[in-house]
Amino acid sequence: MLTKLKHEFRKNRSQSVEKVVEKVNPILRGWLNYFRIGHSSKCFGYVRQRVEMKLRRHMMRSRGREGFGWKRWSREEIQKITGIYNDYEIRYYIPKALPDR
């Protein structure tokens, strides 16, 4: 999944951040929803960090600057500005009781 995201970021390097997020959101949403049930919080944290770093780098390069912009934008600002998918919450499967026959 990270390879697919990396490919999308490279392919859309000259595009605006909105276009990149448009391409990345369905990939991210599908992967997160598939692996949401279970024990995947460490993996979700890693994916969240990588996506945020890619977005920060893209935004800084579009402004003609170096670095990631850690002092410029907080995590919340990045999410609000770009509209990147942000539902990294783990959901636990609770089986429903079978009806009595």
PDB file of N, CA and C in Angstrom:
ATOM      1  N   MET A   1       0.834  -1.180   0.000  1.00  0.00           N
ATOM      2  CA  MET A   1       0.000   0.000   0.000  1.00  0.00           C
ATOM      3  C   MET A   1       0.880   1.246   0.000  1.00  0.00           C
ATOM      4  N   LEU A   2       1.947   1.226   0.778  1.00  0.00           N
ATOM      5  CA  LEU A   2       2.842   2.381   0.799  1.00  0.00           C
ATOM      6  C   LEU A   2       3.518   2.585  -0.554  1.00  0.00           C
ATOM      7  N   THR A   3       3.804   1.493  -1.242  1.00  0.00           N
ATOM      8  CA  THR A   3       4.396   1.594  -2.581  1.00  0.00           C
ATOM      9  C   THR A   3       3.407   2.233  -3.546  1.00  0.00           C
ATOM     10  N   LYS A   4       2.148   1.866  -3.421  1.00  0.00           N
ATOM     11  CA  LYS A   4       1.111   2.443  -4.281  1.00  0.00           C
ATOM     12  C   LYS A   4       0.962   3.944  -4.008  1.00  0.00           C
ATOM     13  N   LEU A   5       0.985   4.318  -2.721  1.00  0.00           N
ATOM     14  CA  LEU A   5       0.893   5.736  -2.361  1.00  0.00           C
ATOM     15  C   LEU A   5       2.109   6.506  -2.874  1.00  0.00           C
ATOM     16  N   LYS A   6       3.279   5.907  -2.733  1.00  0.00           N
ATOM     17  CA  LYS A   6       4.510   6.539  -3.219  1.00  0.00           C
ATOM     18  C   LYS A   6       4.425   6.785  -4.716  1.00  0.00           C
ATOM     19  N   HIS A   7       3.900   5.803  -5.447  1.00  0.00           N
ATOM     20  CA  HIS A   7       3.740   5.940  -6.897  1.00  0.00           C
ATOM     21  C   HIS A   7       2.778   7.085  -7.232  1.00  0.00           C
ATOM     22  N   GLU A   8       1.676   7.196  -6.492  1.00  0.00           N
ATOM     23  CA  GLU A   8       0.709   8.267  -6.746  1.00  0.00           C
ATOM     24  C   GLU A   8       1.310   9.645  -6.458  1.00  0.00           C
ATOM     25  N   PHE A   9       2.071   9.751  -5.373  1.00  0.00           N
ATOM     26  CA  PHE A   9       2.695  11.035  -5.062  1.00  0.00           C
ATOM     27  C   PHE A   9       3.706  11.421  -6.139  1.00  0.00           C
ATOM     28  N   ARG A  10       4.479  10.460  -6.627  1.00  0.00           N
ATOM     29  CA  ARG A  10       5.459  10.748  -7.678  1.00  0.00           C
ATOM     30  C   ARG A  10       4.787  11.103  -8.996  1.00  0.00           C
ATOM     31  N   LYS A  11       3.734  10.366  -9.333  1.00  0.00           N
ATOM     32  CA  LYS A  11       3.047  10.576 -10.598  1.00  0.00           C
ATOM     33  C   LYS A  11       2.380  11.955 -10.648  1.00  0.00           C
ATOM     34  N   ASN A  12       1.943  12.447  -9.502  1.00  0.00           N
ATOM     35  CA  ASN A  12       1.237  13.724  -9.425  1.00  0.00           C
ATOM     36  C   ASN A  12       2.080  14.817  -8.785  1.00  0.00           C
ATOM     37  N   ARG A  13       3.378  14.723  -8.954  1.00  0.00           N
ATOM     38  CA  ARG A  13       4.294  15.665  -8.320  1.00  0.00           C
ATOM     39  C   ARG A  13       4.031  17.123  -8.729  1.00  0.00           C
ATOM     40  N   SER A  14       3.678  17.339  -9.984  1.00  0.00           N
ATOM     41  CA  SER A  14       3.484  18.712 -10.463  1.00  0.00           C
ATOM     42  C   SER A  14       2.056  19.201 -10.268  1.00  0.00           C
ATOM     43  N   GLN A  15       1.179  18.357  -9.729  1.00  0.00           N
ATOM     44  CA  GLN A  15      -0.213  18.730  -9.524  1.00  0.00           C
ATOM     45  C   GLN A  15      -0.390  19.467  -8.196  1.00  0.00           C
ATOM     46  N   SER A  16      -1.554  20.082  -8.032  1.00  0.00           N
ATOM     47  CA  SER A  16      -1.848  20.760  -6.771  1.00  0.00           C
ATOM     48  C   SER A  16      -2.106  19.728  -5.677  1.00  0.00           C
ATOM     49  N   VAL A  17      -2.067  20.173  -4.442  1.00  0.00           N
ATOM     50  CA  VAL A  17      -2.277  19.283  -3.306  1.00  0.00           C
ATOM     51  C   VAL A  17      -3.686  18.688  -3.357  1.00  0.00           C
ATOM     52  N   GLU A  18      -4.658  19.468  -3.794  1.00  0.00           N
ATOM     53  CA  GLU A  18      -6.034  18.984  -3.875  1.00  0.00           C
ATOM     54  C   GLU A  18      -6.144  17.800  -4.835  1.00  0.00           C
ATOM     55  N   LYS A  19      -5.459  17.877  -5.977  1.00  0.00           N
ATOM     56  CA  LYS A  19      -5.478  16.784  -6.957  1.00  0.00           C
ATOM     57  C   LYS A  19      -4.810  15.531  -6.385  1.00  0.00           C
ATOM     58  N   VAL A  20      -3.707  15.721  -5.677  1.00  0.00           N
ATOM     59  CA  VAL A  20      -2.994  14.593  -5.082  1.00  0.00           C
ATOM     60  C   VAL A  20      -3.876  13.916  -4.037  1.00  0.00           C
ATOM     61  N   VAL A  21      -4.521  14.704  -3.190  1.00  0.00           N
ATOM     62  CA  VAL A  21      -5.392  14.152  -2.151  1.00  0.00           C
ATOM     63  C   VAL A  21      -6.578  13.428  -2.790  1.00  0.00           C
ATOM     64  N   GLU A  22      -7.081  13.946  -3.895  1.00  0.00           N
ATOM     65  CA  GLU A  22      -8.168  13.287  -4.633  1.00  0.00           C
ATOM     66  C   GLU A  22      -7.775  11.886  -5.074  1.00  0.00           C
ATOM     67  N   LYS A  23      -6.523  11.713  -5.474  1.00  0.00           N
ATOM     68  CA  LYS A  23      -6.030  10.411  -5.932  1.00  0.00           C
ATOM     69  C   LYS A  23      -5.680   9.483  -4.775  1.00  0.00           C
ATOM     70  N   VAL A  24      -5.179  10.042  -3.681  1.00  0.00           N
ATOM     71  CA  VAL A  24      -4.679   9.251  -2.557  1.00  0.00           C
ATOM     72  C   VAL A  24      -5.803   8.808  -1.614  1.00  0.00           C
ATOM     73  N   ASN A  25      -6.821   9.644  -1.424  1.00  0.00           N
ATOM     74  CA  ASN A  25      -7.879   9.336  -0.468  1.00  0.00           C
ATOM     75  C   ASN A  25      -8.563   7.990  -0.700  1.00  0.00           C
ATOM     76  N   PRO A  26      -8.969   7.630  -1.932  1.00  0.00           N
ATOM     77  CA  PRO A  26      -9.613   6.320  -2.105  1.00  0.00           C
ATOM     78  C   PRO A  26      -8.705   5.142  -1.744  1.00  0.00           C
ATOM     79  N   ILE A  27      -7.434   5.239  -2.048  1.00  0.00           N
ATOM     80  CA  ILE A  27      -6.482   4.180  -1.714  1.00  0.00           C
ATOM     81  C   ILE A  27      -6.373   4.049  -0.198  1.00  0.00           C
ATOM     82  N   LEU A  28      -6.189   5.169   0.462  1.00  0.00           N
ATOM     83  CA  LEU A  28      -6.034   5.192   1.909  1.00  0.00           C
ATOM     84  C   LEU A  28      -7.315   4.728   2.601  1.00  0.00           C
ATOM     85  N   ARG A  29      -8.449   5.223   2.165  1.00  0.00           N
ATOM     86  CA  ARG A  29      -9.734   4.861   2.768  1.00  0.00           C
ATOM     87  C   ARG A  29      -9.994   3.354   2.655  1.00  0.00           C
ATOM     88  N   GLY A  30      -9.763   2.805   1.483  1.00  0.00           N
ATOM     89  CA  GLY A  30      -9.992   1.375   1.284  1.00  0.00           C
ATOM     90  C   GLY A  30      -9.091   0.518   2.152  1.00  0.00           C
ATOM     91  N   TRP A  31      -7.827   0.855   2.214  1.00  0.00           N
ATOM     92  CA  TRP A  31      -6.881   0.077   3.005  1.00  0.00           C
ATOM     93  C   TRP A  31      -7.207   0.156   4.488  1.00  0.00           C
ATOM     94  N   LEU A  32      -7.501   1.378   4.974  1.00  0.00           N
ATOM     95  CA  LEU A  32      -7.807   1.552   6.390  1.00  0.00           C
ATOM     96  C   LEU A  32      -9.097   0.832   6.769  1.00  0.00           C
ATOM     97  N   ASN A  33     -10.107   0.889   5.919  1.00  0.00           N
ATOM     98  CA  ASN A  33     -11.359   0.210   6.240  1.00  0.00           C
ATOM     99  C   ASN A  33     -11.194  -1.310   6.232  1.00  0.00           C
ATOM    100  N   TYR A  34     -10.353  -1.819   5.366  1.00  0.00           N
ATOM    101  CA  TYR A  34     -10.128  -3.266   5.310  1.00  0.00           C
ATOM    102  C   TYR A  34      -9.429  -3.772   6.574  1.00  0.00           C
ATOM    103  N   PHE A  35      -8.423  -3.043   7.048  1.00  0.00           N
ATOM    104  CA  PHE A  35      -7.629  -3.488   8.193  1.00  0.00           C
ATOM    105  C   PHE A  35      -8.086  -2.877   9.516  1.00  0.00           C
ATOM    106  N   ARG A  36      -9.213  -2.205   9.514  1.00  0.00           N
ATOM    107  CA  ARG A  36      -9.694  -1.515  10.714  1.00  0.00           C
ATOM    108  C   ARG A  36     -10.007  -2.471  11.859  1.00  0.00           C
ATOM    109  N   ILE A  37     -10.584  -3.618  11.565  1.00  0.00           N
ATOM    110  CA  ILE A  37     -10.962  -4.563  12.610  1.00  0.00           C
ATOM    111  C   ILE A  37      -9.755  -5.433  12.922  1.00  0.00           C
ATOM    112  N   GLY A  38      -9.313  -5.372  14.151  1.00  0.00           N
ATOM    113  CA  GLY A  38      -8.157  -6.164  14.542  1.00  0.00           C
ATOM    114  C   GLY A  38      -7.180  -5.353  15.359  1.00  0.00           C
ATOM    115  N   HIS A  39      -5.953  -5.795  15.350  1.00  0.00           N
ATOM    116  CA  HIS A  39      -4.908  -5.163  16.148  1.00  0.00           C
ATOM    117  C   HIS A  39      -3.886  -4.533  15.199  1.00  0.00           C
ATOM    118  N   SER A  40      -4.182  -3.341  14.715  1.00  0.00           N
ATOM    119  CA  SER A  40      -3.319  -2.730  13.709  1.00  0.00           C
ATOM    120  C   SER A  40      -2.959  -1.281  14.033  1.00  0.00           C
ATOM    121  N   SER A  41      -2.986  -0.889  15.298  1.00  0.00           N
ATOM    122  CA  SER A  41      -2.745   0.508  15.650  1.00  0.00           C
ATOM    123  C   SER A  41      -1.314   0.953  15.349  1.00  0.00           C
ATOM    124  N   LYS A  42      -0.322   0.086  15.541  1.00  0.00           N
ATOM    125  CA  LYS A  42       1.066   0.452  15.234  1.00  0.00           C
ATOM    126  C   LYS A  42       1.230   0.698  13.737  1.00  0.00           C
ATOM    127  N   CYS A  43       0.636  -0.159  12.964  1.00  0.00           N
ATOM    128  CA  CYS A  43       0.704  -0.037  11.508  1.00  0.00           C
ATOM    129  C   CYS A  43      -0.017   1.237  11.050  1.00  0.00           C
ATOM    130  N   PHE A  44      -1.174   1.536  11.635  1.00  0.00           N
ATOM    131  CA  PHE A  44      -1.913   2.744  11.286  1.00  0.00           C
ATOM    132  C   PHE A  44      -1.097   3.990  11.607  1.00  0.00           C
ATOM    133  N   GLY A  45      -0.407   3.972  12.748  1.00  0.00           N
ATOM    134  CA  GLY A  45       0.429   5.111  13.120  1.00  0.00           C
ATOM    135  C   GLY A  45       1.549   5.337  12.119  1.00  0.00           C
ATOM    136  N   TYR A  46       2.148   4.248  11.653  1.00  0.00           N
ATOM    137  CA  TYR A  46       3.218   4.353  10.673  1.00  0.00           C
ATOM    138  C   TYR A  46       2.706   4.900   9.344  1.00  0.00           C
ATOM    139  N   VAL A  47       1.568   4.395   8.902  1.00  0.00           N
ATOM    140  CA  VAL A  47       0.974   4.862   7.644  1.00  0.00           C
ATOM    141  C   VAL A  47       0.593   6.341   7.749  1.00  0.00           C
ATOM    142  N   ARG A  48       0.004   6.719   8.881  1.00  0.00           N
ATOM    143  CA  ARG A  48      -0.388   8.117   9.081  1.00  0.00           C
ATOM    144  C   ARG A  48       0.824   9.049   8.993  1.00  0.00           C
ATOM    145  N   GLN A  49       1.911   8.642   9.628  1.00  0.00           N
ATOM    146  CA  GLN A  49       3.127   9.449   9.615  1.00  0.00           C
ATOM    147  C   GLN A  49       3.689   9.582   8.197  1.00  0.00           C
ATOM    148  N   ARG A  50       3.736   8.479   7.455  1.00  0.00           N
ATOM    149  CA  ARG A  50       4.280   8.505   6.093  1.00  0.00           C
ATOM    150  C   ARG A  50       3.451   9.389   5.168  1.00  0.00           C
ATOM    151  N   VAL A  51       2.130   9.269   5.265  1.00  0.00           N
ATOM    152  CA  VAL A  51       1.246  10.078   4.410  1.00  0.00           C
ATOM    153  C   VAL A  51       1.392  11.550   4.760  1.00  0.00           C
ATOM    154  N   GLU A  52       1.456  11.861   6.045  1.00  0.00           N
ATOM    155  CA  GLU A  52       1.613  13.253   6.451  1.00  0.00           C
ATOM    156  C   GLU A  52       2.945  13.824   5.955  1.00  0.00           C
ATOM    157  N   MET A  53       4.020  13.044   6.045  1.00  0.00           N
ATOM    158  CA  MET A  53       5.318  13.522   5.566  1.00  0.00           C
ATOM    159  C   MET A  53       5.299  13.762   4.061  1.00  0.00           C
ATOM    160  N   LYS A  54       4.643  12.869   3.309  1.00  0.00           N
ATOM    161  CA  LYS A  54       4.541  13.047   1.854  1.00  0.00           C
ATOM    162  C   LYS A  54       3.754  14.312   1.525  1.00  0.00           C
ATOM    163  N   LEU A  55       2.662  14.555   2.247  1.00  0.00           N
ATOM    164  CA  LEU A  55       1.868  15.762   2.006  1.00  0.00           C
ATOM    165  C   LEU A  55       2.655  17.020   2.351  1.00  0.00           C
ATOM    166  N   ARG A  56       3.353  16.989   3.477  1.00  0.00           N
ATOM    167  CA  ARG A  56       4.149  18.150   3.884  1.00  0.00           C
ATOM    168  C   ARG A  56       5.233  18.459   2.845  1.00  0.00           C
ATOM    169  N   ARG A  57       5.910  17.411   2.382  1.00  0.00           N
ATOM    170  CA  ARG A  57       6.960  17.599   1.381  1.00  0.00           C
ATOM    171  C   ARG A  57       6.367  18.181   0.099  1.00  0.00           C
ATOM    172  N   HIS A  58       5.211  17.665  -0.309  1.00  0.00           N
ATOM    173  CA  HIS A  58       4.556  18.148  -1.518  1.00  0.00           C
ATOM    174  C   HIS A  58       4.187  19.626  -1.381  1.00  0.00           C
ATOM    175  N   MET A  59       3.645  19.994  -0.225  1.00  0.00           N
ATOM    176  CA  MET A  59       3.242  21.384   0.001  1.00  0.00           C
ATOM    177  C   MET A  59       4.451  22.317   0.044  1.00  0.00           C
ATOM    178  N   MET A  60       5.528  21.882   0.661  1.00  0.00           N
ATOM    179  CA  MET A  60       6.723  22.729   0.734  1.00  0.00           C
ATOM    180  C   MET A  60       7.355  22.891  -0.650  1.00  0.00           C
ATOM    181  N   ARG A  61       7.417  21.820  -1.423  1.00  0.00           N
ATOM    182  CA  ARG A  61       7.994  21.918  -2.767  1.00  0.00           C
ATOM    183  C   ARG A  61       7.153  22.812  -3.667  1.00  0.00           C
ATOM    184  N   SER A  62       5.844  22.786  -3.484  1.00  0.00           N
ATOM    185  CA  SER A  62       4.998  23.646  -4.305  1.00  0.00           C
ATOM    186  C   SER A  62       5.221  25.123  -3.977  1.00  0.00           C
ATOM    187  N   ARG A  63       5.743  25.403  -2.789  1.00  0.00           N
ATOM    188  CA  ARG A  63       6.063  26.775  -2.395  1.00  0.00           C
ATOM    189  C   ARG A  63       7.523  27.131  -2.669  1.00  0.00           C
ATOM    190  N   GLY A  64       8.267  26.184  -3.232  1.00  0.00           N
ATOM    191  CA  GLY A  64       9.661  26.437  -3.560  1.00  0.00           C
ATOM    192  C   GLY A  64      10.576  26.445  -2.355  1.00  0.00           C
ATOM    193  N   ARG A  65      10.223  25.685  -1.345  1.00  0.00           N
ATOM    194  CA  ARG A  65      11.018  25.640  -0.116  1.00  0.00           C
ATOM    195  C   ARG A  65      11.499  24.220   0.149  1.00  0.00           C
ATOM    196  N   GLU A  66      12.484  24.114   1.022  1.00  0.00           N
ATOM    197  CA  GLU A  66      13.005  22.803   1.415  1.00  0.00           C
ATOM    198  C   GLU A  66      12.406  22.407   2.753  1.00  0.00           C
ATOM    199  N   GLY A  67      12.543  21.142   3.095  1.00  0.00           N
ATOM    200  CA  GLY A  67      12.092  20.652   4.390  1.00  0.00           C
ATOM    201  C   GLY A  67      10.663  20.152   4.350  1.00  0.00           C
ATOM    202  N   PHE A  68      10.113  19.955   5.563  1.00  0.00           N
ATOM    203  CA  PHE A  68       8.778  19.393   5.700  1.00  0.00           C
ATOM    204  C   PHE A  68       7.764  20.385   6.253  1.00  0.00           C
ATOM    205  N   GLY A  69       8.185  21.518   6.742  1.00  0.00           N
ATOM    206  CA  GLY A  69       7.257  22.503   7.284  1.00  0.00           C
ATOM    207  C   GLY A  69       6.708  22.143   8.646  1.00  0.00           C
ATOM    208  N   TRP A  70       7.554  21.527   9.487  1.00  0.00           N
ATOM    209  CA  TRP A  70       7.080  21.124  10.806  1.00  0.00           C
ATOM    210  C   TRP A  70       6.692  22.332  11.659  1.00  0.00           C
ATOM    211  N   LYS A  71       7.422  23.424  11.511  1.00  0.00           N
ATOM    212  CA  LYS A  71       7.099  24.617  12.292  1.00  0.00           C
ATOM    213  C   LYS A  71       5.973  25.428  11.656  1.00  0.00           C
ATOM    214  N   ARG A  72       5.737  25.212  10.396  1.00  0.00           N
ATOM    215  CA  ARG A  72       4.735  25.976   9.659  1.00  0.00           C
ATOM    216  C   ARG A  72       3.312  25.489   9.910  1.00  0.00           C
ATOM    217  N   TRP A  73       3.117  24.149   9.897  1.00  0.00           N
ATOM    218  CA  TRP A  73       1.772  23.579  10.042  1.00  0.00           C
ATOM    219  C   TRP A  73       1.768  22.488  11.100  1.00  0.00           C
ATOM    220  N   SER A  74       0.693  22.440  11.878  1.00  0.00           N
ATOM    221  CA  SER A  74       0.498  21.320  12.811  1.00  0.00           C
ATOM    222  C   SER A  74      -0.205  20.193  12.060  1.00  0.00           C
ATOM    223  N   ARG A  75      -0.317  19.046  12.686  1.00  0.00           N
ATOM    224  CA  ARG A  75      -0.993  17.900  12.064  1.00  0.00           C
ATOM    225  C   ARG A  75      -2.449  18.240  11.752  1.00  0.00           C
ATOM    226  N   GLU A  76      -3.112  18.933  12.669  1.00  0.00           N
ATOM    227  CA  GLU A  76      -4.513  19.312  12.470  1.00  0.00           C
ATOM    228  C   GLU A  76      -4.669  20.275  11.300  1.00  0.00           C
ATOM    229  N   GLU A  77      -3.736  21.206  11.170  1.00  0.00           N
ATOM    230  CA  GLU A  77      -3.795  22.151  10.050  1.00  0.00           C
ATOM    231  C   GLU A  77      -3.600  21.450   8.712  1.00  0.00           C
ATOM    232  N   ILE A  78      -2.688  20.492   8.665  1.00  0.00           N
ATOM    233  CA  ILE A  78      -2.454  19.733   7.433  1.00  0.00           C
ATOM    234  C   ILE A  78      -3.735  19.014   7.028  1.00  0.00           C
ATOM    235  N   GLN A  79      -4.402  18.390   7.987  1.00  0.00           N
ATOM    236  CA  GLN A  79      -5.629  17.661   7.691  1.00  0.00           C
ATOM    237  C   GLN A  79      -6.751  18.594   7.253  1.00  0.00           C
ATOM    238  N   LYS A  80      -6.834  19.761   7.885  1.00  0.00           N
ATOM    239  CA  LYS A  80      -7.886  20.708   7.531  1.00  0.00           C
ATOM    240  C   LYS A  80      -7.629  21.334   6.165  1.00  0.00           C
ATOM    241  N   ILE A  81      -6.394  21.672   5.866  1.00  0.00           N
ATOM    242  CA  ILE A  81      -6.041  22.311   4.593  1.00  0.00           C
ATOM    243  C   ILE A  81      -6.220  21.341   3.432  1.00  0.00           C
ATOM    244  N   THR A  82      -5.740  20.123   3.589  1.00  0.00           N
ATOM    245  CA  THR A  82      -5.715  19.190   2.466  1.00  0.00           C
ATOM    246  C   THR A  82      -6.981  18.361   2.327  1.00  0.00           C
ATOM    247  N   GLY A  83      -7.642  18.050   3.425  1.00  0.00           N
ATOM    248  CA  GLY A  83      -8.815  17.190   3.375  1.00  0.00           C
ATOM    249  C   GLY A  83      -8.469  15.718   3.241  1.00  0.00           C
ATOM    250  N   ILE A  84      -7.278  15.342   3.691  1.00  0.00           N
ATOM    251  CA  ILE A  84      -6.846  13.946   3.613  1.00  0.00           C
ATOM    252  C   ILE A  84      -7.699  13.092   4.549  1.00  0.00           C
ATOM    253  N   TYR A  85      -7.958  11.858   4.150  1.00  0.00           N
ATOM    254  CA  TYR A  85      -8.761  10.934   4.946  1.00  0.00           C
ATOM    255  C   TYR A  85      -8.081  10.727   6.292  1.00  0.00           C
ATOM    256  N   ASN A  86      -8.864  10.815   7.375  1.00  0.00           N
ATOM    257  CA  ASN A  86      -8.252  10.850   8.693  1.00  0.00           C
ATOM    258  C   ASN A  86      -8.936   9.937   9.702  1.00  0.00           C
ATOM    259  N   ASP A  87      -9.584   8.881   9.283  1.00  0.00           N
ATOM    260  CA  ASP A  87     -10.276   8.003  10.226  1.00  0.00           C
ATOM    261  C   ASP A  87      -9.403   6.786  10.515  1.00  0.00           C
ATOM    262  N   TYR A  88      -8.451   6.945  11.423  1.00  0.00           N
ATOM    263  CA  TYR A  88      -7.515   5.877  11.765  1.00  0.00           C
ATOM    264  C   TYR A  88      -7.960   5.113  13.011  1.00  0.00           C
ATOM    265  N   GLU A  89      -9.220   5.201  13.357  1.00  0.00           N
ATOM    266  CA  GLU A  89      -9.722   4.581  14.575  1.00  0.00           C
ATOM    267  C   GLU A  89      -9.898   3.080  14.382  1.00  0.00           C
ATOM    268  N   ILE A  90      -9.474   2.313  15.373  1.00  0.00           N
ATOM    269  CA  ILE A  90      -9.629   0.861  15.361  1.00  0.00           C
ATOM    270  C   ILE A  90     -11.038   0.539  15.843  1.00  0.00           C
ATOM    271  N   ARG A  91     -11.697  -0.368  15.160  1.00  0.00           N
ATOM    272  CA  ARG A  91     -13.019  -0.820  15.591  1.00  0.00           C
ATOM    273  C   ARG A  91     -12.922  -2.305  15.918  1.00  0.00           C
ATOM    274  N   TYR A  92     -13.451  -2.659  17.053  1.00  0.00           N
ATOM    275  CA  TYR A  92     -13.393  -4.043  17.495  1.00  0.00           C
ATOM    276  C   TYR A  92     -14.670  -4.770  17.091  1.00  0.00           C
ATOM    277  N   TYR A  93     -14.513  -5.972  16.654  1.00  0.00           N
ATOM    278  CA  TYR A  93     -15.640  -6.781  16.220  1.00  0.00           C
ATOM    279  C   TYR A  93     -16.321  -7.386  17.424  1.00  0.00           C
ATOM    280  N   ILE A  94     -17.597  -7.104  17.587  1.00  0.00           N
ATOM    281  CA  ILE A  94     -18.377  -7.683  18.666  1.00  0.00           C
ATOM    282  C   ILE A  94     -19.482  -8.505  18.013  1.00  0.00           C
ATOM    283  N   PRO A  95     -19.389  -9.814  18.133  1.00  0.00           N
ATOM    284  CA  PRO A  95     -20.399 -10.637  17.482  1.00  0.00           C
ATOM    285  C   PRO A  95     -21.769 -10.442  18.122  1.00  0.00           C
ATOM    286  N   LYS A  96     -22.788 -10.435  17.280  1.00  0.00           N
ATOM    287  CA  LYS A  96     -24.159 -10.294  17.780  1.00  0.00           C
ATOM    288  C   LYS A  96     -24.647 -11.654  18.259  1.00  0.00           C
ATOM    289  N   ALA A  97     -25.459 -11.623  19.296  1.00  0.00           N
ATOM    290  CA  ALA A  97     -26.007 -12.861  19.832  1.00  0.00           C
ATOM    291  C   ALA A  97     -27.000 -13.438  18.833  1.00  0.00           C
ATOM    292  N   LEU A  98     -26.966 -14.728  18.692  1.00  0.00           N
ATOM    293  CA  LEU A  98     -27.904 -15.402  17.792  1.00  0.00           C
ATOM    294  C   LEU A  98     -29.284 -15.470  18.445  1.00  0.00           C
ATOM    295  N   PRO A  99     -30.326 -15.281  17.674  1.00  0.00           N
ATOM    296  CA  PRO A  99     -31.663 -15.350  18.262  1.00  0.00           C
ATOM    297  C   PRO A  99     -31.996 -16.776  18.716  1.00  0.00           C
ATOM    298  N   ASP A 100     -32.760 -16.875  19.780  1.00  0.00           N
ATOM    299  CA  ASP A 100     -33.182 -18.190  20.287  1.00  0.00           C
ATOM    300  C   ASP A 100     -34.196 -18.792  19.337  1.00  0.00           C
ATOM    301  N   ARG A 101     -34.113 -20.082  19.167  1.00  0.00           N
ATOM    302  CA  ARG A 101     -35.051 -20.759  18.253  1.00  0.00           C
ATOM    303  C   ARG A 101     -36.107 -21.460  19.028  1.00  0.00           C
TER     304      ARG A 101
END
